[in-house]
N, C-alpha and C. Protein backbone atom coordinates (compact mmCIF):
# COMPACT_ATOMS: atom_id res chain seq x y z
N MET A 1 -3.69 15.07 18.43
CA MET A 1 -4.09 13.54 17.76
C MET A 1 -2.99 12.70 18.48
N VAL A 2 -3.01 11.34 18.98
CA VAL A 2 -2.27 10.64 18.75
C VAL A 2 -2.16 9.71 18.56
N LEU A 3 -1.37 8.94 17.85
CA LEU A 3 -1.78 8.57 16.94
C LEU A 3 -0.31 6.66 17.21
N ASN A 4 -0.41 5.79 17.25
CA ASN A 4 0.70 4.77 17.67
C ASN A 4 1.80 4.79 16.66
N GLY A 5 2.93 4.87 17.09
CA GLY A 5 4.09 4.97 16.57
C GLY A 5 4.79 3.72 16.10
N ARG A 6 4.40 2.73 16.62
CA ARG A 6 5.25 1.33 16.44
C ARG A 6 4.34 0.73 16.26
N ARG A 7 4.82 -0.22 14.75
CA ARG A 7 4.64 -1.72 14.04
C ARG A 7 4.28 -2.47 14.77
N PRO A 8 3.51 -3.14 14.68
CA PRO A 8 2.93 -4.65 15.14
C PRO A 8 3.97 -5.76 14.53
N THR A 9 4.23 -6.24 15.32
CA THR A 9 5.29 -7.72 14.76
C THR A 9 4.50 -7.85 13.63
N GLU A 10 5.55 -8.67 12.66
CA GLU A 10 5.23 -9.38 11.76
C GLU A 10 4.46 -10.12 11.59
N THR A 11 4.69 -11.12 12.47
CA THR A 11 3.77 -12.10 12.90
C THR A 11 2.21 -12.23 13.11
N LEU A 12 1.86 -10.94 14.26
CA LEU A 12 0.65 -10.15 14.20
C LEU A 12 -0.34 -9.94 12.95
N LEU A 13 0.84 -9.16 12.17
CA LEU A 13 0.11 -8.72 10.61
C LEU A 13 -0.01 -9.35 10.09
N GLN A 14 0.69 -11.16 9.74
CA GLN A 14 0.00 -11.97 9.39
C GLN A 14 -1.25 -12.72 9.73
N SER A 15 -1.14 -12.03 10.68
CA SER A 15 -2.09 -12.98 11.53
C SER A 15 -3.58 -12.29 11.00
N TYR A 16 -3.26 -11.32 11.14
CA TYR A 16 -4.26 -10.23 10.43
C TYR A 16 -4.86 -10.14 8.74
N ALA A 17 -3.82 -10.04 8.09
CA ALA A 17 -3.83 -10.59 7.04
C ALA A 17 -4.73 -11.35 6.14
N GLU A 18 -4.15 -12.63 7.14
CA GLU A 18 -4.93 -14.43 6.80
C GLU A 18 -6.85 -13.87 6.67
N GLU A 19 -7.16 -13.09 7.52
CA GLU A 19 -8.22 -12.38 8.05
C GLU A 19 -9.30 -11.38 7.38
N ASN A 20 -8.28 -10.94 6.13
CA ASN A 20 -8.26 -9.39 5.52
C ASN A 20 -8.56 -8.50 6.47
N GLN A 21 -7.80 -8.08 7.48
CA GLN A 21 -7.91 -7.15 7.59
C GLN A 21 -6.04 -6.55 8.14
N PHE A 22 -6.59 -5.24 7.94
CA PHE A 22 -5.19 -4.29 7.80
C PHE A 22 -5.36 -3.25 9.23
N PRO A 23 -3.52 -3.11 9.05
CA PRO A 23 -3.74 -1.74 9.81
C PRO A 23 -4.42 -0.52 9.62
N VAL A 24 -4.90 0.55 10.29
CA VAL A 24 -5.48 1.40 10.08
C VAL A 24 -4.08 2.88 9.28
N GLN A 25 -4.67 3.21 8.34
CA GLN A 25 -3.40 3.78 7.94
C GLN A 25 -3.60 5.61 7.81
N PHE A 26 -2.87 5.94 8.26
CA PHE A 26 -3.03 7.49 8.65
C PHE A 26 -1.92 8.73 7.22
N ASP A 27 -2.75 9.86 7.05
CA ASP A 27 -2.09 10.55 6.08
C ASP A 27 -1.69 11.89 6.89
N ILE A 28 -0.71 11.99 7.53
CA ILE A 28 0.18 13.34 8.05
C ILE A 28 -0.32 14.18 7.61
N ASN A 29 0.29 14.55 6.44
CA ASN A 29 0.08 16.16 5.70
C ASN A 29 -1.66 16.46 5.80
N ALA A 30 -2.36 14.77 5.32
CA ALA A 30 -3.76 15.70 5.43
C ALA A 30 -4.10 16.30 7.21
N THR A 31 -3.58 15.19 7.57
CA THR A 31 -3.91 15.89 9.40
C THR A 31 -3.43 16.56 9.92
N ARG A 32 -2.47 17.13 9.48
CA ARG A 32 -1.63 18.76 9.49
C ARG A 32 -2.58 19.53 8.54
N GLU A 33 -3.16 19.43 7.82
CA GLU A 33 -4.18 20.46 6.97
C GLU A 33 -5.29 20.49 7.40
N LEU A 34 -5.78 19.85 8.47
CA LEU A 34 -6.77 20.09 8.85
C LEU A 34 -6.49 20.98 10.30
N GLY A 35 -5.20 21.37 10.34
CA GLY A 35 -4.73 22.43 11.60
C GLY A 35 -4.38 21.41 12.84
N VAL A 36 -4.64 20.06 12.55
CA VAL A 36 -4.22 18.98 13.84
C VAL A 36 -2.99 18.92 13.81
N THR A 37 -2.14 18.65 15.30
CA THR A 37 -0.87 18.41 15.53
C THR A 37 -0.74 16.90 15.42
N PRO A 38 -0.15 15.96 14.96
CA PRO A 38 -0.27 14.69 15.10
C PRO A 38 1.17 14.61 16.36
N PHE A 39 0.70 13.44 17.41
CA PHE A 39 1.84 13.44 18.46
C PHE A 39 2.15 11.36 18.42
N PHE A 40 3.24 10.88 18.11
CA PHE A 40 3.70 9.93 18.17
C PHE A 40 3.52 9.43 19.34
N GLY A 41 3.21 8.38 19.81
CA GLY A 41 3.52 7.49 21.00
C GLY A 41 3.42 5.89 21.17
N ASP A 42 4.27 4.88 21.79
CA ASP A 42 3.75 3.63 21.45
C ASP A 42 2.88 3.13 22.50
N ILE A 43 1.71 3.30 21.86
CA ILE A 43 0.84 3.10 22.43
C ILE A 43 -0.05 1.44 22.35
N ILE A 44 0.35 1.00 22.21
CA ILE A 44 -0.12 -0.78 21.31
C ILE A 44 0.69 -1.56 22.58
N SER A 45 -0.05 -2.45 22.76
CA SER A 45 -0.31 -3.79 23.66
C SER A 45 -0.02 -5.08 22.59
N GLU A 46 0.57 -6.34 22.75
CA GLU A 46 0.48 -6.89 21.85
C GLU A 46 0.54 -8.82 22.64
N GLY A 47 -0.54 -9.27 22.15
CA GLY A 47 -1.02 -10.70 22.33
C GLY A 47 -1.49 -11.62 21.35
N ASP A 48 -2.40 -12.08 21.23
CA ASP A 48 -3.00 -12.51 20.54
C ASP A 48 -3.65 -11.86 19.66
N TYR A 49 -3.96 -10.43 20.25
CA TYR A 49 -4.34 -9.03 18.90
C TYR A 49 -3.50 -7.96 19.60
N VAL A 50 -3.53 -7.11 18.83
CA VAL A 50 -3.18 -5.51 18.66
C VAL A 50 -4.14 -5.11 19.08
N ARG A 51 -3.79 -4.56 20.94
CA ARG A 51 -5.03 -3.71 21.29
C ARG A 51 -3.89 -2.65 22.14
N HIS A 52 -5.01 -1.44 22.00
CA HIS A 52 -4.46 0.05 22.60
C HIS A 52 -4.05 -0.92 23.68
N ASP A 53 -2.76 -0.18 24.59
CA ASP A 53 -2.46 0.19 25.84
C ASP A 53 -2.76 1.36 26.55
N SER A 54 -4.21 1.08 27.11
CA SER A 54 -4.46 2.19 28.21
C SER A 54 -3.68 3.05 29.03
N ALA A 55 -2.35 2.31 29.64
CA ALA A 55 -1.82 2.85 30.39
C ALA A 55 -0.71 3.44 29.59
N ALA A 56 -0.24 3.19 28.34
CA ALA A 56 0.39 4.30 28.08
C ALA A 56 0.21 5.24 27.14
N LEU A 57 -0.96 5.14 26.99
CA LEU A 57 -1.88 5.94 26.04
C LEU A 57 -2.18 7.01 27.18
N ALA A 58 -2.41 6.87 28.14
CA ALA A 58 -2.36 7.53 29.43
C ALA A 58 -0.93 8.66 29.75
N GLU A 59 0.10 7.77 29.42
CA GLU A 59 1.24 8.37 29.80
C GLU A 59 1.36 9.12 29.03
N THR A 60 1.45 8.95 27.55
CA THR A 60 1.42 10.22 26.46
C THR A 60 0.75 11.21 26.64
N ILE A 61 -0.77 11.12 27.14
CA ILE A 61 -1.06 12.11 26.88
C ILE A 61 -0.34 13.20 28.46
N PHE A 62 -0.42 12.56 29.61
CA PHE A 62 0.12 13.18 30.19
C PHE A 62 1.72 14.26 29.90
N ARG A 63 2.11 13.20 29.64
CA ARG A 63 3.37 13.75 28.68
C ARG A 63 2.97 15.20 28.22
N LEU A 64 2.57 14.92 26.81
CA LEU A 64 2.12 15.61 26.02
C LEU A 64 1.45 17.05 26.96
N TYR A 65 0.80 16.65 28.04
CA TYR A 65 0.14 17.80 29.05
C TYR A 65 1.67 18.85 29.71
N ASP A 66 1.97 17.62 30.41
CA ASP A 66 3.56 18.61 30.95
C ASP A 66 4.26 19.38 29.99
N ARG A 67 3.93 18.94 28.93
CA ARG A 67 5.02 19.78 27.62
C ARG A 67 4.26 20.78 26.84
N TYR A 68 2.68 20.65 26.61
CA TYR A 68 2.15 21.95 26.58
C TYR A 68 0.85 22.52 26.75
N GLY A 69 0.56 21.60 27.73
CA GLY A 69 -0.61 22.46 28.43
C GLY A 69 -0.28 23.52 29.21
N ARG A 70 0.52 23.38 29.88
CA ARG A 70 0.69 24.72 30.42
C ARG A 70 0.51 25.69 29.95
N THR A 71 1.36 25.65 28.34
CA THR A 71 1.61 26.88 27.24
C THR A 71 -0.08 27.56 26.75
N LEU A 72 -0.66 26.25 26.50
CA LEU A 72 -2.07 26.25 26.30
C LEU A 72 -2.92 27.46 27.32
N GLU A 73 -2.95 26.47 28.61
CA GLU A 73 -3.30 27.49 29.38
C GLU A 73 -3.80 28.75 29.64
N ARG A 74 -1.81 29.09 29.34
CA ARG A 74 -1.62 31.06 29.37
C ARG A 74 -1.89 31.30 28.23
N MET A 75 -2.41 30.74 26.89
CA MET A 75 -2.61 31.55 25.57
C MET A 75 -4.38 31.44 25.77
N ARG A 76 -4.86 30.68 26.41
CA ARG A 76 -6.34 30.90 26.65
C ARG A 76 -7.05 31.70 28.02
N LYS A 77 -5.51 32.01 28.87
CA LYS A 77 -6.32 33.09 29.51
C LYS A 77 -5.88 34.66 29.24
N GLU A 78 -5.10 34.77 28.41
CA GLU A 78 -4.58 35.48 27.56
C GLU A 78 -5.50 36.38 26.26
N GLN A 79 -6.60 35.74 26.02
CA GLN A 79 -7.47 36.15 25.33
C GLN A 79 -8.41 36.68 25.71
């Protein structure tokens, strides 16, 4: 699971709060208890709104694959 690891600017957070909107909070321990490994990346872009940065997310996924994907492929073949 890829999670954003960067907090949006206080200005944007305040704008969202004025609309009664807040960032999604995640519970790392609960995520791990589900057997899921959380990975963090800087995967947001900011303008008038906070949005996912698709290029940054893709880069994070490719980096994770480069680091762990080949190991997973070998593990699957050995089963």
